[in-house]
Amino acid sequence: MKQPLHYLVTGLIVFFAFSCQTKQSTREFCEESLDFACKQTELLRKESIEVNRIPRTLTATGDMHWAKPGFDWTEGFFPGTCWYLYEYTKANQWKDNAEELQSLYIDHRFLTTNHDLGFVFNCSYGNNFRIDGDKDARDIMIDAGNSLMTRFNPAIGCIQSWNVDSGWQAKRGWQYPVIIDNMMNLELLFELSKITGDDKYKKAAITHANTTMKNHYRPDGSSYHVVDYDSVSGVVRSRQTAQGYAHESAWSRGQAWGLYGYTICYRYTRDKKYLDKAEEIANFIFTDEGMPKDCIPYWDYDAPKIPSEPRDVSAASVIASALIELDGYSTKNYMKEAQFILKNLSSKEYRAELGGNGKFILKHSVGSIPHNAEIDVPLCYADYYYVEALMRLLKTENEKLAAY
């Protein structure tokens, strides 16, 4: 029997999750939530196909903000959501449109100027290959992975996140910045070693994860956002933030990226130190006094005006999805927390009305407050990880049913 979480926020959370389940089974909840996701996303899918562009978010005035055509780190999420909805419904329009939209950035697999190729190509073409077994999708993933590998420096032990020769990054004085978000790009590398048999991808991912574990994390289990390394020696030059409140604060989506990333590392390696790290991060997330009772985080756990600070639903979606997978590995019970978050995300407070919210599923996410960008708006990746979490939860329920 799994051990109960000793750090559960309050007994009310367990009671709420349990009482909800007595009224509606988990399977019924997943199906209702996914059915709504299909209806809402169908409206956005049609709009997207009409203009042949990929939705990212809404502007502050409520207008559609499409992914940038040159390169946009979010461009893989909407096609990825379509792949999940195809997996759920088997309706061909989701597959057809996923393929059509992801073809818009197929040439980006050769870009070596950005670390986000894992986000872009694993969420879209990775789900394409997983669900459909498409060999072309596999080959595109390999190309993207090879491009990502050019950013790995074995002397430093990390994949470089941002280039520092132009833009706002150049003004920060960094030499070799690595952000916690980069943990999410490791899944592509792990998967490539699995499908090609070449361990070079996995070795780079493991090295990056180990270096990040050593240098990004504080004793309480929270992480810095940015660690800048000396580009020659690999010595840590500074620990900072770019999207959080302060250098020593805990940016909420960064904590979510780390939880998800180290859960991935354990999936592919079964190295217990990654399981321990994921559990440590989860412990921080649920015990920090900056976490509200409904477990939908403020944009930063240390933001100065809590409880009047914006929430970040995207962080909550990532946390929920990660916890469902982590629950399958851990002796601790993370499923109640995952279900509690998903039920709250599916409430009127955070889930849109049909046809509203720019036709995105979830409301109240935050991109980057320090950059005054995407504040209290829907975000395509919040929807992606929400749908992924629901699919993961439904799968666990189906497996339980099959076991009877």
Protein backbone atom coordinates (compact mmCIF):
# COMPACT_ATOMS: atom_id res chain seq x y z
CA MET A 1 0.00 0.00 0.00
CA LYS A 2 1.28 3.45 -0.83
CA GLN A 3 2.25 5.73 2.01
CA PRO A 4 0.08 8.84 2.42
CA LEU A 5 1.83 12.13 1.79
CA HIS A 6 2.94 13.50 5.13
CA TYR A 7 3.16 16.98 3.65
CA LEU A 8 -0.38 17.27 2.30
CA VAL A 9 -1.44 20.91 2.40
CA THR A 10 -4.54 20.40 4.54
CA GLY A 11 -6.95 17.61 5.35
CA LEU A 12 -9.52 19.58 3.40
CA ILE A 13 -7.77 18.69 0.15
CA VAL A 14 -8.11 14.97 0.73
CA PHE A 15 -11.72 15.38 1.85
CA PHE A 16 -12.57 17.49 -1.20
CA ALA A 17 -11.00 15.06 -3.65
CA PHE A 18 -12.73 12.11 -1.97
CA SER A 19 -16.12 13.78 -1.78
CA CYS A 20 -15.95 14.71 -5.47
CA GLN A 21 -15.22 11.11 -6.39
CA THR A 22 -18.32 9.92 -4.53
CA LYS A 23 -20.46 12.09 -6.81
CA GLN A 24 -18.65 11.39 -10.07
CA SER A 25 -16.23 8.58 -10.82
CA THR A 26 -12.73 9.46 -11.94
CA ARG A 27 -13.41 7.87 -15.31
CA GLU A 28 -16.58 9.95 -15.76
CA PHE A 29 -14.69 13.09 -14.74
CA CYS A 30 -11.96 12.42 -17.31
CA GLU A 31 -14.43 11.72 -20.08
CA GLU A 32 -16.53 14.79 -19.31
CA SER A 33 -13.42 16.98 -19.20
CA LEU A 34 -11.98 15.52 -22.40
CA ASP A 35 -15.33 15.80 -24.17
CA PHE A 36 -15.40 19.49 -23.30
CA ALA A 37 -11.79 19.84 -24.47
CA CYS A 38 -12.80 18.32 -27.80
CA LYS A 39 -15.74 20.71 -28.23
CA GLN A 40 -13.75 23.80 -27.28
CA THR A 41 -10.63 22.87 -29.21
CA GLU A 42 -12.70 21.98 -32.27
CA LEU A 43 -13.68 25.64 -32.48
CA LEU A 44 -10.06 26.72 -32.24
CA ARG A 45 -8.98 24.02 -34.67
CA LYS A 46 -11.33 25.34 -37.33
CA GLU A 47 -10.13 28.90 -36.86
CA SER A 48 -6.51 27.77 -36.97
CA ILE A 49 -6.95 25.79 -40.18
CA GLU A 50 -8.75 28.70 -41.88
CA VAL A 51 -5.71 30.94 -41.49
CA ASN A 52 -3.13 28.12 -41.52
CA ARG A 53 -1.51 29.33 -38.29
CA ILE A 54 -0.88 27.87 -34.85
CA PRO A 55 -2.61 29.47 -31.82
CA ARG A 56 -0.42 30.51 -28.91
CA THR A 57 -2.44 32.81 -26.60
CA LEU A 58 -4.55 35.97 -26.52
CA THR A 59 -3.26 39.51 -26.43
CA ALA A 60 -4.07 41.79 -23.51
CA THR A 61 -6.98 43.15 -25.57
CA GLY A 62 -8.36 39.66 -26.24
CA ASP A 63 -7.16 39.23 -29.83
CA MET A 64 -5.60 36.00 -31.07
CA HIS A 65 -1.83 35.80 -30.80
CA TRP A 66 -0.57 33.26 -33.31
CA ALA A 67 2.79 31.50 -33.02
CA LYS A 68 5.55 33.41 -34.78
CA PRO A 69 6.28 31.94 -38.25
CA GLY A 70 10.08 32.22 -37.92
CA PHE A 71 10.42 30.09 -34.78
CA ASP A 72 8.22 29.95 -31.70
CA TRP A 73 8.98 27.67 -28.78
CA THR A 74 5.23 27.06 -28.34
CA GLU A 75 4.49 25.96 -31.91
CA GLY A 76 4.39 22.23 -31.10
CA PHE A 77 1.78 22.38 -28.35
CA PHE A 78 -1.44 22.86 -30.33
CA PRO A 79 -0.61 20.09 -32.83
CA GLY A 80 0.32 17.97 -29.80
CA THR A 81 -3.07 18.63 -28.23
CA CYS A 82 -4.68 17.57 -31.50
CA TRP A 83 -2.73 14.30 -31.36
CA TYR A 84 -4.02 13.61 -27.84
CA LEU A 85 -7.59 14.32 -28.93
CA TYR A 86 -7.11 12.01 -31.90
CA GLU A 87 -5.89 9.35 -29.51
CA TYR A 88 -8.99 9.90 -27.36
CA THR A 89 -11.63 10.11 -30.11
CA LYS A 90 -10.06 8.31 -33.11
CA ALA A 91 -11.66 11.08 -35.20
CA ASN A 92 -9.51 11.72 -38.26
CA GLN A 93 -9.88 15.50 -38.31
CA TRP A 94 -7.59 15.74 -35.29
CA LYS A 95 -4.90 13.67 -36.97
CA ASP A 96 -5.25 15.46 -40.30
CA ASN A 97 -5.01 18.90 -38.74
CA ALA A 98 -2.15 17.94 -36.44
CA GLU A 99 -0.18 16.81 -39.48
CA GLU A 100 -1.10 19.94 -41.43
CA LEU A 101 -0.16 22.36 -38.66
CA GLN A 102 3.08 20.68 -37.63
CA SER A 103 4.20 20.71 -41.26
CA LEU A 104 4.33 24.51 -40.95
CA TYR A 105 7.53 24.26 -38.92
CA ILE A 106 9.02 21.02 -40.23
CA ASP A 107 12.17 22.83 -41.41
CA HIS A 108 12.81 24.10 -37.89
CA ARG A 109 14.23 20.67 -37.07
CA PHE A 110 17.50 21.85 -38.56
CA LEU A 111 17.78 24.97 -36.38
CA THR A 112 20.73 24.91 -34.01
CA THR A 113 20.06 28.30 -32.45
CA ASN A 114 17.47 27.26 -29.86
CA HIS A 115 17.16 24.64 -27.11
CA ASP A 116 13.37 24.37 -27.42
CA LEU A 117 13.46 21.77 -30.18
CA GLY A 118 12.48 19.18 -27.60
CA PHE A 119 9.32 21.08 -26.69
CA VAL A 120 8.46 21.66 -30.34
CA PHE A 121 9.17 18.28 -31.88
CA ASN A 122 8.55 15.85 -29.03
CA CYS A 123 5.11 17.27 -28.20
CA SER A 124 3.99 17.13 -31.83
CA TYR A 125 5.99 14.68 -33.93
CA GLY A 126 6.80 12.63 -30.82
CA ASN A 127 3.10 12.04 -30.14
CA ASN A 128 2.64 11.48 -33.87
CA PHE A 129 5.19 8.64 -33.79
CA ARG A 130 3.93 7.22 -30.47
CA ILE A 131 0.30 7.11 -31.56
CA ASP A 132 0.59 6.44 -35.28
CA GLY A 133 4.01 4.79 -35.68
CA ASP A 134 4.82 7.19 -38.52
CA LYS A 135 8.41 6.58 -39.67
CA ASP A 136 8.64 10.05 -41.21
CA ALA A 137 7.76 11.53 -37.81
CA ARG A 138 10.52 9.42 -36.25
CA ASP A 139 13.07 10.68 -38.78
CA ILE A 140 12.02 14.29 -38.15
CA MET A 141 12.51 13.71 -34.41
CA ILE A 142 16.02 12.39 -35.10
CA ASP A 143 16.89 15.47 -37.15
CA ALA A 144 15.62 17.73 -34.36
CA GLY A 145 17.54 15.76 -31.75
CA ASN A 146 20.75 16.03 -33.73
CA SER A 147 20.27 19.78 -33.95
CA LEU A 148 19.64 19.96 -30.20
CA MET A 149 22.80 17.96 -29.55
CA THR A 150 24.91 20.70 -31.15
CA ARG A 151 24.04 22.84 -28.11
CA PHE A 152 25.44 20.29 -25.64
CA ASN A 153 28.91 21.09 -24.30
CA PRO A 154 30.40 18.06 -22.50
CA ALA A 155 32.99 20.26 -20.75
CA ILE A 156 30.18 22.18 -19.07
CA GLY A 157 27.81 19.24 -18.86
CA CYS A 158 24.73 21.07 -20.13
CA ILE A 159 22.76 22.07 -23.19
CA GLN A 160 22.99 25.83 -23.63
CA SER A 161 19.55 27.39 -23.40
CA TRP A 162 19.86 30.83 -24.91
CA ASN A 163 22.34 32.44 -27.27
CA VAL A 164 23.84 35.60 -25.78
CA ASP A 165 24.98 37.53 -28.83
CA SER A 166 21.81 39.59 -29.28
CA GLY A 167 18.50 40.58 -27.73
CA TRP A 168 17.68 40.96 -24.06
CA GLN A 169 19.83 37.92 -23.24
CA ALA A 170 22.96 39.77 -24.41
CA LYS A 171 22.21 42.58 -21.97
CA ARG A 172 22.33 40.21 -18.99
CA GLY A 173 26.07 39.58 -19.35
CA TRP A 174 25.69 35.80 -19.49
CA GLN A 175 28.21 33.47 -21.13
CA TYR A 176 26.48 30.07 -21.10
CA PRO A 177 22.97 30.35 -19.58
CA VAL A 178 21.05 27.19 -18.73
CA ILE A 179 17.42 27.45 -17.61
CA ILE A 180 15.42 24.91 -15.62
CA ASP A 181 12.98 24.70 -18.55
CA ASN A 182 15.66 22.75 -20.40
CA MET A 183 14.83 19.68 -18.33
CA MET A 184 11.74 19.34 -20.52
CA ASN A 185 13.81 19.01 -23.69
CA LEU A 186 15.58 15.90 -22.39
CA GLU A 187 12.61 13.65 -23.17
CA LEU A 188 13.34 13.95 -26.90
CA LEU A 189 16.94 12.83 -26.33
CA PHE A 190 15.99 9.90 -24.12
CA GLU A 191 13.39 8.80 -26.65
CA LEU A 192 15.87 8.99 -29.52
CA SER A 193 18.27 6.62 -27.79
CA LYS A 194 15.35 4.26 -27.27
CA ILE A 195 14.27 4.27 -30.93
CA THR A 196 17.72 4.45 -32.56
CA GLY A 197 19.79 2.36 -30.16
CA ASP A 198 22.41 5.13 -30.03
CA ASP A 199 23.27 5.99 -26.42
CA LYS A 200 24.80 9.38 -27.25
CA TYR A 201 21.45 11.13 -26.80
CA LYS A 202 20.73 9.46 -23.45
CA LYS A 203 24.24 10.15 -22.17
CA ALA A 204 23.90 13.85 -22.95
CA ALA A 205 20.48 13.95 -21.25
CA ILE A 206 21.83 12.24 -18.13
CA THR A 207 24.82 14.57 -17.95
CA HIS A 208 22.58 17.62 -18.30
CA ALA A 209 20.20 16.32 -15.63
CA ASN A 210 23.04 15.63 -13.21
CA THR A 211 24.66 19.03 -13.73
CA THR A 212 21.30 20.74 -13.28
CA MET A 213 20.62 18.76 -10.11
CA LYS A 214 23.96 19.89 -8.71
CA ASN A 215 23.76 23.57 -9.59
CA HIS A 216 20.11 24.61 -9.96
CA TYR A 217 18.64 23.35 -6.71
CA ARG A 218 18.47 24.81 -3.22
CA PRO A 219 18.37 22.72 -0.03
CA ASP A 220 14.60 23.17 0.29
CA GLY A 221 13.96 21.51 -3.10
CA SER A 222 13.24 24.71 -5.02
CA SER A 223 15.19 25.67 -8.11
CA TYR A 224 16.78 28.75 -9.59
CA HIS A 225 15.58 29.70 -13.04
CA VAL A 226 18.90 30.53 -14.72
CA VAL A 227 22.41 29.26 -13.98
CA ASP A 228 25.14 30.95 -16.00
CA TYR A 229 28.34 28.99 -16.56
CA ASP A 230 31.78 30.12 -17.64
CA SER A 231 31.84 29.13 -21.31
CA VAL A 232 35.34 27.64 -21.02
CA SER A 233 35.78 26.25 -17.51
CA GLY A 234 32.16 25.41 -16.75
CA VAL A 235 32.36 27.16 -13.36
CA VAL A 236 29.06 28.65 -12.17
CA ARG A 237 29.19 32.43 -12.66
CA SER A 238 25.76 33.33 -11.27
CA ARG A 239 22.32 32.04 -10.34
CA GLN A 240 19.49 34.33 -11.45
CA THR A 241 15.96 34.55 -12.76
CA ALA A 242 14.54 35.83 -16.02
CA GLN A 243 10.84 35.10 -15.55
CA GLY A 244 10.48 34.86 -11.78
CA TYR A 245 10.05 37.57 -9.15
CA ALA A 246 13.64 37.60 -7.88
CA HIS A 247 16.89 35.66 -8.16
CA GLU A 248 16.21 33.84 -4.88
CA SER A 249 12.48 33.32 -5.44
CA ALA A 250 10.74 30.18 -6.68
CA TRP A 251 9.16 30.80 -10.08
CA SER A 252 6.21 28.43 -10.12
CA ARG A 253 6.45 27.10 -13.67
CA GLY A 254 10.14 26.50 -13.14
CA GLN A 255 9.32 24.23 -10.21
CA ALA A 256 6.82 22.42 -12.44
CA TRP A 257 9.39 21.95 -15.24
CA GLY A 258 11.81 20.40 -12.77
CA LEU A 259 9.22 18.02 -11.31
CA TYR A 260 8.20 16.85 -14.75
CA GLY A 261 11.77 16.67 -16.03
CA TYR A 262 13.16 14.50 -13.23
CA THR A 263 10.14 12.22 -13.45
CA ILE A 264 11.05 11.76 -17.12
CA CYS A 265 14.64 10.99 -16.15
CA TYR A 266 13.48 8.25 -13.80
CA ARG A 267 11.20 6.81 -16.50
CA TYR A 268 14.10 6.24 -18.86
CA THR A 269 16.89 5.36 -16.43
CA ARG A 270 15.26 3.93 -13.27
CA ASP A 271 18.04 5.71 -11.37
CA LYS A 272 16.66 6.31 -7.89
CA LYS A 273 18.33 9.68 -7.49
CA TYR A 274 15.94 11.08 -10.09
CA LEU A 275 12.93 9.64 -8.27
CA ASP A 276 14.24 11.13 -5.03
CA LYS A 277 14.71 14.52 -6.72
CA ALA A 278 11.18 14.49 -8.16
CA GLU A 279 9.77 13.67 -4.73
CA GLU A 280 11.85 16.43 -3.16
CA ILE A 281 10.51 18.96 -5.66
CA ALA A 282 6.95 17.77 -5.05
CA ASN A 283 7.52 18.19 -1.33
CA PHE A 284 8.56 21.81 -1.86
CA ILE A 285 5.60 22.51 -4.14
CA PHE A 286 3.04 21.32 -1.62
CA THR A 287 4.61 22.54 1.61
CA ASP A 288 5.76 26.02 0.63
CA GLU A 289 3.58 28.65 2.28
CA GLY A 290 3.21 30.38 -1.10
CA MET A 291 1.04 27.54 -2.44
CA PRO A 292 -2.66 28.45 -2.22
CA LYS A 293 -5.23 26.00 -0.87
CA ASP A 294 -6.61 25.10 -4.28
CA CYS A 295 -3.08 24.17 -5.46
CA ILE A 296 -3.22 26.41 -8.52
CA PRO A 297 0.08 28.27 -7.94
CA TYR A 298 0.66 31.97 -8.00
CA TRP A 299 3.09 32.84 -10.78
CA ASP A 300 5.91 32.87 -8.20
CA TYR A 301 5.81 31.31 -4.72
CA ASP A 302 7.50 34.42 -3.32
CA ALA A 303 5.62 37.10 -5.24
CA PRO A 304 5.23 40.12 -2.93
CA LYS A 305 1.47 40.74 -3.17
CA ILE A 306 0.12 37.24 -2.52
CA PRO A 307 -2.87 36.60 -2.41
CA SER A 308 -3.47 39.34 -4.97
CA GLU A 309 -0.89 37.99 -7.43
CA PRO A 310 -1.91 36.29 -10.72
CA ARG A 311 -2.19 32.52 -10.76
CA ASP A 312 -0.35 30.41 -13.32
CA VAL A 313 -2.62 27.66 -14.55
CA SER A 314 0.11 26.43 -16.90
CA ALA A 315 2.25 25.52 -13.88
CA ALA A 316 -0.68 23.65 -12.34
CA SER A 317 -1.28 21.67 -15.55
CA VAL A 318 2.36 20.60 -15.76
CA ILE A 319 2.39 19.64 -12.06
CA ALA A 320 -0.79 17.56 -12.40
CA SER A 321 0.53 15.66 -15.41
CA ALA A 322 3.88 15.01 -13.75
CA LEU A 323 2.26 13.80 -10.51
CA ILE A 324 0.17 11.20 -12.30
CA GLU A 325 3.28 9.66 -13.80
CA LEU A 326 5.27 10.04 -10.58
CA ASP A 327 2.52 8.22 -8.68
CA GLY A 328 3.24 5.14 -10.79
CA TYR A 329 6.85 5.04 -9.59
CA SER A 330 6.70 6.25 -6.01
CA THR A 331 5.66 4.60 -2.75
CA LYS A 332 4.02 7.92 -1.88
CA ASN A 333 0.50 8.64 -3.06
CA TYR A 334 0.49 11.55 -5.49
CA MET A 335 -2.75 10.70 -7.26
CA LYS A 336 -5.03 12.58 -4.87
CA GLU A 337 -3.06 15.79 -5.37
CA ALA A 338 -3.12 15.33 -9.15
CA GLN A 339 -6.87 14.75 -9.16
CA PHE A 340 -7.46 17.68 -6.83
CA ILE A 341 -5.58 20.02 -9.16
CA LEU A 342 -7.38 18.67 -12.24
CA LYS A 343 -10.78 19.05 -10.60
CA ASN A 344 -9.99 22.64 -9.70
CA LEU A 345 -8.69 23.36 -13.20
CA SER A 346 -11.97 21.96 -14.53
CA SER A 347 -14.05 24.29 -12.37
CA LYS A 348 -15.72 27.51 -13.56
CA GLU A 349 -12.89 29.48 -11.98
CA TYR A 350 -10.26 28.17 -14.39
CA ARG A 351 -12.00 26.42 -17.28
CA ALA A 352 -13.58 28.50 -20.02
CA GLU A 353 -17.19 28.46 -21.07
CA LEU A 354 -17.76 26.84 -24.45
CA GLY A 355 -16.79 29.31 -27.17
CA GLY A 356 -15.26 31.80 -24.72
CA ASN A 357 -11.68 32.55 -23.74
CA GLY A 358 -10.54 32.78 -27.35
CA LYS A 359 -11.60 29.11 -27.69
CA PHE A 360 -8.73 27.98 -25.43
CA ILE A 361 -9.67 25.51 -22.70
CA LEU A 362 -8.12 27.08 -19.59
CA LYS A 363 -7.96 30.64 -18.26
CA HIS A 364 -5.53 32.48 -15.97
CA SER A 365 -2.00 31.57 -17.06
CA VAL A 366 1.13 33.72 -16.99
CA GLY A 367 3.94 33.80 -19.52
CA SER A 368 6.44 36.27 -18.07
CA ILE A 369 5.56 39.09 -15.72
CA PRO A 370 9.09 40.60 -15.77
CA HIS A 371 8.74 40.92 -19.55
CA ASN A 372 5.15 42.21 -19.21
CA ALA A 373 4.10 39.41 -21.53
CA GLU A 374 1.09 37.08 -21.46
CA ILE A 375 -0.29 37.98 -18.04
CA ASP A 376 -3.57 36.36 -16.96
CA VAL A 377 -4.34 34.91 -20.38
CA PRO A 378 -4.87 31.42 -21.83
CA LEU A 379 -1.74 29.64 -23.04
CA CYS A 380 -1.53 26.78 -25.53
CA TYR A 381 0.84 24.82 -23.32
CA ALA A 382 -1.49 25.05 -20.31
CA ASP A 383 -4.13 23.35 -22.47
CA TYR A 384 -1.63 20.77 -23.75
CA TYR A 385 -0.51 19.57 -20.31
CA TYR A 386 -4.09 19.67 -19.00
CA VAL A 387 -5.24 17.35 -21.80
CA GLU A 388 -2.16 15.19 -21.32
CA ALA A 389 -2.90 14.90 -17.59
CA LEU A 390 -6.50 13.89 -18.29
CA MET A 391 -5.34 11.27 -20.80
CA ARG A 392 -2.85 9.89 -18.29
CA LEU A 393 -5.49 9.76 -15.57
CA LEU A 394 -7.99 8.07 -17.88
CA LYS A 395 -5.36 5.50 -18.83
CA THR A 396 -4.76 4.61 -15.18
CA GLU A 397 -8.50 4.19 -14.67
CA ASN A 398 -8.80 1.97 -17.75
CA GLU A 399 -5.89 -0.14 -16.54
CA LYS A 400 -7.59 -0.59 -13.16
CA LEU A 401 -10.79 -1.65 -14.92
CA ALA A 402 -8.93 -4.12 -17.12
CA ALA A 403 -7.26 -5.63 -14.06
CA TYR A 404 -10.60 -6.64 -12.50
